[in-house]
Amino acid sequence: ACLKMDLALGSLLASLFLFLVPLALLA
């Protein structure tokens, strides 16, 4: 879904969706 946009932006958004919440919780 994120790769429908620019590759760099899509990769960043995918990483944020997948890891921001658990990293924030662990922090």
PDB file of all heavy atoms in Angstrom:
ATOM      1  N   ALA A   1       0.826  -1.205   0.000  1.00  0.00           N
ATOM      2  CA  ALA A   1       0.000   0.000   0.000  1.00  0.00           C
ATOM      3  C   ALA A   1       0.862   1.258   0.000  1.00  0.00           C
ATOM      4  O   ALA A   1       0.600   2.218  -0.730  1.00  0.00           O
ATOM      5  CB  ALA A   1      -0.928  -0.008   1.224  1.00  0.00           C
ATOM      6  N   CYS A   2       1.938   1.258   0.808  1.00  0.00           N
ATOM      7  CA  CYS A   2       2.788   2.444   0.889  1.00  0.00           C
ATOM      8  C   CYS A   2       3.628   2.632  -0.368  1.00  0.00           C
ATOM      9  O   CYS A   2       4.021   3.757  -0.688  1.00  0.00           O
ATOM     10  CB  CYS A   2       3.696   2.340   2.110  1.00  0.00           C
ATOM     11  SG  CYS A   2       2.826   2.486   3.699  1.00  0.00           S
ATOM     12  N   LEU A   3       3.912   1.546  -1.097  1.00  0.00           N
ATOM     13  CA  LEU A   3       4.735   1.658  -2.296  1.00  0.00           C
ATOM     14  C   LEU A   3       3.963   2.207  -3.491  1.00  0.00           C
ATOM     15  O   LEU A   3       4.521   2.342  -4.577  1.00  0.00           O
ATOM     16  CB  LEU A   3       5.342   0.298  -2.646  1.00  0.00           C
ATOM     17  CG  LEU A   3       6.524  -0.113  -1.764  1.00  0.00           C
ATOM     18  CD1 LEU A   3       6.965  -1.519  -2.089  1.00  0.00           C
ATOM     19  CD2 LEU A   3       7.683   0.855  -1.938  1.00  0.00           C
ATOM     20  N   LYS A   4       2.690   2.538  -3.305  1.00  0.00           N
ATOM     21  CA  LYS A   4       1.947   3.197  -4.369  1.00  0.00           C
ATOM     22  C   LYS A   4       2.418   4.630  -4.550  1.00  0.00           C
ATOM     23  O   LYS A   4       2.152   5.247  -5.564  1.00  0.00           O
ATOM     24  CB  LYS A   4       0.446   3.161  -4.070  1.00  0.00           C
ATOM     25  CG  LYS A   4      -0.155   1.751  -4.131  1.00  0.00           C
ATOM     26  CD  LYS A   4      -1.632   1.771  -3.794  1.00  0.00           C
ATOM     27  CE  LYS A   4      -2.223   0.365  -3.848  1.00  0.00           C
ATOM     28  NZ  LYS A   4      -3.651   0.355  -3.479  1.00  0.00           N
ATOM     29  N   MET A   5       3.102   5.151  -3.544  1.00  0.00           N
ATOM     30  CA  MET A   5       3.636   6.505  -3.632  1.00  0.00           C
ATOM     31  C   MET A   5       5.134   6.431  -3.896  1.00  0.00           C
ATOM     32  O   MET A   5       5.672   5.382  -4.253  1.00  0.00           O
ATOM     33  CB  MET A   5       3.330   7.268  -2.347  1.00  0.00           C
ATOM     34  CG  MET A   5       3.871   6.600  -1.094  1.00  0.00           C
ATOM     35  SD  MET A   5       3.213   7.334   0.409  1.00  0.00           S
ATOM     36  CE  MET A   5       1.540   6.654   0.392  1.00  0.00           C
ATOM     37  N   ASP A   6       5.821   7.538  -3.756  1.00  0.00           N
ATOM     38  CA  ASP A   6       7.271   7.568  -3.932  1.00  0.00           C
ATOM     39  C   ASP A   6       7.926   6.507  -3.058  1.00  0.00           C
ATOM     40  O   ASP A   6       7.544   6.301  -1.905  1.00  0.00           O
ATOM     41  CB  ASP A   6       7.789   8.958  -3.553  1.00  0.00           C
ATOM     42  CG  ASP A   6       9.295   9.054  -3.612  1.00  0.00           C
ATOM     43  OD1 ASP A   6       9.829   9.159  -4.717  1.00  0.00           O
ATOM     44  OD2 ASP A   6       9.911   9.008  -2.529  1.00  0.00           O
ATOM     45  N   LEU A   7       8.968   5.825  -3.609  1.00  0.00           N
ATOM     46  CA  LEU A   7       9.561   4.696  -2.909  1.00  0.00           C
ATOM     47  C   LEU A   7      10.161   5.102  -1.572  1.00  0.00           C
ATOM     48  O   LEU A   7       9.959   4.434  -0.555  1.00  0.00           O
ATOM     49  CB  LEU A   7      10.630   4.042  -3.783  1.00  0.00           C
ATOM     50  CG  LEU A   7      11.300   2.792  -3.207  1.00  0.00           C
ATOM     51  CD1 LEU A   7      10.290   1.679  -3.033  1.00  0.00           C
ATOM     52  CD2 LEU A   7      12.428   2.338  -4.113  1.00  0.00           C
ATOM     53  N   ALA A   8      10.909   6.211  -1.549  1.00  0.00           N
ATOM     54  CA  ALA A   8      11.535   6.648  -0.301  1.00  0.00           C
ATOM     55  C   ALA A   8      10.482   7.019   0.739  1.00  0.00           C
ATOM     56  O   ALA A   8      10.549   6.602   1.900  1.00  0.00           O
ATOM     57  CB  ALA A   8      12.467   7.828  -0.575  1.00  0.00           C
ATOM     58  N   LEU A   9       9.473   7.796   0.331  1.00  0.00           N
ATOM     59  CA  LEU A   9       8.411   8.189   1.256  1.00  0.00           C
ATOM     60  C   LEU A   9       7.600   6.976   1.688  1.00  0.00           C
ATOM     61  O   LEU A   9       7.244   6.827   2.862  1.00  0.00           O
ATOM     62  CB  LEU A   9       7.507   9.230   0.595  1.00  0.00           C
ATOM     63  CG  LEU A   9       6.306   9.700   1.431  1.00  0.00           C
ATOM     64  CD1 LEU A   9       6.770  10.335   2.731  1.00  0.00           C
ATOM     65  CD2 LEU A   9       5.442  10.670   0.627  1.00  0.00           C
ATOM     66  N   GLY A  10       7.290   6.095   0.740  1.00  0.00           N
ATOM     67  CA  GLY A  10       6.521   4.900   1.073  1.00  0.00           C
ATOM     68  C   GLY A  10       7.245   4.007   2.058  1.00  0.00           C
ATOM     69  O   GLY A  10       6.634   3.467   2.996  1.00  0.00           O
ATOM     70  N   SER A  11       8.569   3.850   1.878  1.00  0.00           N
ATOM     71  CA  SER A  11       9.346   3.029   2.808  1.00  0.00           C
ATOM     72  C   SER A  11       9.346   3.643   4.204  1.00  0.00           C
ATOM     73  O   SER A  11       9.229   2.939   5.210  1.00  0.00           O
ATOM     74  CB  SER A  11      10.786   2.896   2.300  1.00  0.00           C
ATOM     75  OG  SER A  11      10.818   2.276   1.035  1.00  0.00           O
ATOM     76  N   LEU A  12       9.466   4.968   4.260  1.00  0.00           N
ATOM     77  CA  LEU A  12       9.446   5.651   5.553  1.00  0.00           C
ATOM     78  C   LEU A  12       8.098   5.466   6.247  1.00  0.00           C
ATOM     79  O   LEU A  12       8.033   5.157   7.449  1.00  0.00           O
ATOM     80  CB  LEU A  12       9.754   7.138   5.361  1.00  0.00           C
ATOM     81  CG  LEU A  12       9.702   8.001   6.620  1.00  0.00           C
ATOM     82  CD1 LEU A  12      10.729   7.541   7.632  1.00  0.00           C
ATOM     83  CD2 LEU A  12       9.915   9.474   6.266  1.00  0.00           C
ATOM     84  N   LEU A  13       7.009   5.646   5.511  1.00  0.00           N
ATOM     85  CA  LEU A  13       5.672   5.500   6.108  1.00  0.00           C
ATOM     86  C   LEU A  13       5.432   4.061   6.564  1.00  0.00           C
ATOM     87  O   LEU A  13       4.849   3.828   7.634  1.00  0.00           O
ATOM     88  CB  LEU A  13       4.605   5.924   5.101  1.00  0.00           C
ATOM     89  CG  LEU A  13       4.547   7.423   4.782  1.00  0.00           C
ATOM     90  CD1 LEU A  13       3.495   7.696   3.717  1.00  0.00           C
ATOM     91  CD2 LEU A  13       4.245   8.226   6.043  1.00  0.00           C
ATOM     92  N   ALA A  14       5.865   3.093   5.768  1.00  0.00           N
ATOM     93  CA  ALA A  14       5.693   1.693   6.168  1.00  0.00           C
ATOM     94  C   ALA A  14       6.459   1.409   7.457  1.00  0.00           C
ATOM     95  O   ALA A  14       5.951   0.742   8.371  1.00  0.00           O
ATOM     96  CB  ALA A  14       6.161   0.766   5.049  1.00  0.00           C
ATOM     97  N   SER A  15       7.693   1.915   7.556  1.00  0.00           N
ATOM     98  CA  SER A  15       8.483   1.712   8.766  1.00  0.00           C
ATOM     99  C   SER A  15       7.828   2.367   9.975  1.00  0.00           C
ATOM    100  O   SER A  15       7.803   1.789  11.074  1.00  0.00           O
ATOM    101  CB  SER A  15       9.889   2.280   8.567  1.00  0.00           C
ATOM    102  OG  SER A  15      10.549   1.630   7.508  1.00  0.00           O
ATOM    103  N   LEU A  16       7.292   3.573   9.774  1.00  0.00           N
ATOM    104  CA  LEU A  16       6.620   4.251  10.885  1.00  0.00           C
ATOM    105  C   LEU A  16       5.406   3.464  11.357  1.00  0.00           C
ATOM    106  O   LEU A  16       5.184   3.291  12.562  1.00  0.00           O
ATOM    107  CB  LEU A  16       6.198   5.661  10.456  1.00  0.00           C
ATOM    108  CG  LEU A  16       7.324   6.685  10.290  1.00  0.00           C
ATOM    109  CD1 LEU A  16       6.774   7.988   9.729  1.00  0.00           C
ATOM    110  CD2 LEU A  16       8.027   6.934  11.616  1.00  0.00           C
ATOM    111  N   PHE A  17       4.610   2.972  10.414  1.00  0.00           N
ATOM    112  CA  PHE A  17       3.417   2.207  10.786  1.00  0.00           C
ATOM    113  C   PHE A  17       3.799   0.935  11.538  1.00  0.00           C
ATOM    114  O   PHE A  17       3.148   0.555  12.525  1.00  0.00           O
ATOM    115  CB  PHE A  17       2.600   1.867   9.545  1.00  0.00           C
ATOM    116  CG  PHE A  17       1.355   1.074   9.846  1.00  0.00           C
ATOM    117  CD1 PHE A  17       0.170   1.715  10.163  1.00  0.00           C
ATOM    118  CD2 PHE A  17       1.373  -0.316   9.835  1.00  0.00           C
ATOM    119  CE1 PHE A  17      -0.981   0.977  10.447  1.00  0.00           C
ATOM    120  CE2 PHE A  17       0.233  -1.056  10.112  1.00  0.00           C
ATOM    121  CZ  PHE A  17      -0.947  -0.404  10.429  1.00  0.00           C
ATOM    122  N   LEU A  18       4.834   0.268  11.066  1.00  0.00           N
ATOM    123  CA  LEU A  18       5.184  -1.036  11.635  1.00  0.00           C
ATOM    124  C   LEU A  18       5.926  -0.923  12.961  1.00  0.00           C
ATOM    125  O   LEU A  18       5.778  -1.799  13.827  1.00  0.00           O
ATOM    126  CB  LEU A  18       6.040  -1.817  10.636  1.00  0.00           C
ATOM    127  CG  LEU A  18       5.340  -2.214   9.331  1.00  0.00           C
ATOM    128  CD1 LEU A  18       6.351  -2.749   8.326  1.00  0.00           C
ATOM    129  CD2 LEU A  18       4.251  -3.242   9.582  1.00  0.00           C
ATOM    130  N   PHE A  19       6.707   0.151  13.162  1.00  0.00           N
ATOM    131  CA  PHE A  19       7.608   0.152  14.314  1.00  0.00           C
ATOM    132  C   PHE A  19       7.475   1.345  15.256  1.00  0.00           C
ATOM    133  O   PHE A  19       7.993   1.286  16.371  1.00  0.00           O
ATOM    134  CB  PHE A  19       9.059   0.080  13.822  1.00  0.00           C
ATOM    135  CG  PHE A  19       9.357  -1.156  13.033  1.00  0.00           C
ATOM    136  CD1 PHE A  19       9.708  -1.071  11.697  1.00  0.00           C
ATOM    137  CD2 PHE A  19       9.259  -2.413  13.614  1.00  0.00           C
ATOM    138  CE1 PHE A  19       9.978  -2.214  10.965  1.00  0.00           C
ATOM    139  CE2 PHE A  19       9.523  -3.555  12.892  1.00  0.00           C
ATOM    140  CZ  PHE A  19       9.877  -3.465  11.561  1.00  0.00           C
ATOM    141  N   LEU A  20       6.827   2.429  14.842  1.00  0.00           N
ATOM    142  CA  LEU A  20       6.771   3.599  15.716  1.00  0.00           C
ATOM    143  C   LEU A  20       6.048   3.301  17.022  1.00  0.00           C
ATOM    144  O   LEU A  20       6.523   3.642  18.110  1.00  0.00           O
ATOM    145  CB  LEU A  20       6.090   4.776  14.991  1.00  0.00           C
ATOM    146  CG  LEU A  20       5.940   6.054  15.838  1.00  0.00           C
ATOM    147  CD1 LEU A  20       7.304   6.572  16.270  1.00  0.00           C
ATOM    148  CD2 LEU A  20       5.174   7.126  15.067  1.00  0.00           C
ATOM    149  N   VAL A  21       4.885   2.653  16.940  1.00  0.00           N
ATOM    150  CA  VAL A  21       4.094   2.385  18.150  1.00  0.00           C
ATOM    151  C   VAL A  21       4.839   1.479  19.134  1.00  0.00           C
ATOM    152  O   VAL A  21       4.983   1.823  20.317  1.00  0.00           O
ATOM    153  CB  VAL A  21       2.723   1.791  17.781  1.00  0.00           C
ATOM    154  CG1 VAL A  21       1.988   1.303  19.029  1.00  0.00           C
ATOM    155  CG2 VAL A  21       1.875   2.833  17.057  1.00  0.00           C
ATOM    156  N   PRO A  22       5.349   0.317  18.719  1.00  0.00           N
ATOM    157  CA  PRO A  22       6.056  -0.516  19.703  1.00  0.00           C
ATOM    158  C   PRO A  22       7.323   0.131  20.240  1.00  0.00           C
ATOM    159  O   PRO A  22       7.642  -0.020  21.437  1.00  0.00           O
ATOM    160  CB  PRO A  22       6.377  -1.805  18.928  1.00  0.00           C
ATOM    161  CG  PRO A  22       6.265  -1.454  17.498  1.00  0.00           C
ATOM    162  CD  PRO A  22       5.230  -0.379  17.419  1.00  0.00           C
ATOM    163  N   LEU A  23       8.043   0.881  19.404  1.00  0.00           N
ATOM    164  CA  LEU A  23       9.239   1.545  19.907  1.00  0.00           C
ATOM    165  C   LEU A  23       8.884   2.628  20.922  1.00  0.00           C
ATOM    166  O   LEU A  23       9.582   2.814  21.925  1.00  0.00           O
ATOM    167  CB  LEU A  23      10.036   2.142  18.743  1.00  0.00           C
ATOM    168  CG  LEU A  23      10.764   1.136  17.842  1.00  0.00           C
ATOM    169  CD1 LEU A  23      11.421   1.857  16.668  1.00  0.00           C
ATOM    170  CD2 LEU A  23      11.798   0.349  18.630  1.00  0.00           C
ATOM    171  N   ALA A  24       7.812   3.351  20.645  1.00  0.00           N
ATOM    172  CA  ALA A  24       7.378   4.381  21.595  1.00  0.00           C
ATOM    173  C   ALA A  24       6.949   3.757  22.923  1.00  0.00           C
ATOM    174  O   ALA A  24       7.273   4.258  24.008  1.00  0.00           O
ATOM    175  CB  ALA A  24       6.234   5.193  20.991  1.00  0.00           C
ATOM    176  N   LEU A  25       6.230   2.645  22.851  1.00  0.00           N
ATOM    177  CA  LEU A  25       5.799   1.968  24.076  1.00  0.00           C
ATOM    178  C   LEU A  25       6.990   1.469  24.882  1.00  0.00           C
ATOM    179  O   LEU A  25       7.037   1.606  26.116  1.00  0.00           O
ATOM    180  CB  LEU A  25       4.881   0.801  23.725  1.00  0.00           C
ATOM    181  CG  LEU A  25       3.496   1.168  23.188  1.00  0.00           C
ATOM    182  CD1 LEU A  25       2.763  -0.085  22.712  1.00  0.00           C
ATOM    183  CD2 LEU A  25       2.674   1.887  24.246  1.00  0.00           C
ATOM    184  N   LEU A  26       7.976   0.886  24.206  1.00  0.00           N
ATOM    185  CA  LEU A  26       9.148   0.376  24.917  1.00  0.00           C
ATOM    186  C   LEU A  26       9.994   1.510  25.470  1.00  0.00           C
ATOM    187  O   LEU A  26      10.639   1.365  26.520  1.00  0.00           O
ATOM    188  CB  LEU A  26       9.980  -0.496  23.979  1.00  0.00           C
ATOM    189  CG  LEU A  26       9.323  -1.826  23.557  1.00  0.00           C
ATOM    190  CD1 LEU A  26      10.181  -2.540  22.530  1.00  0.00           C
ATOM    191  CD2 LEU A  26       9.085  -2.720  24.770  1.00  0.00           C
ATOM    192  N   ALA A  27      10.011   2.661  24.772  1.00  0.00           N
ATOM    193  CA  ALA A  27      10.775   3.801  25.268  1.00  0.00           C
ATOM    194  C   ALA A  27      10.218   4.343  26.582  1.00  0.00           C
ATOM    195  O   ALA A  27      10.940   4.963  27.369  1.00  0.00           O
ATOM    196  CB  ALA A  27      10.801   4.909  24.217  1.00  0.00           C
TER     197      ALA A  27
END
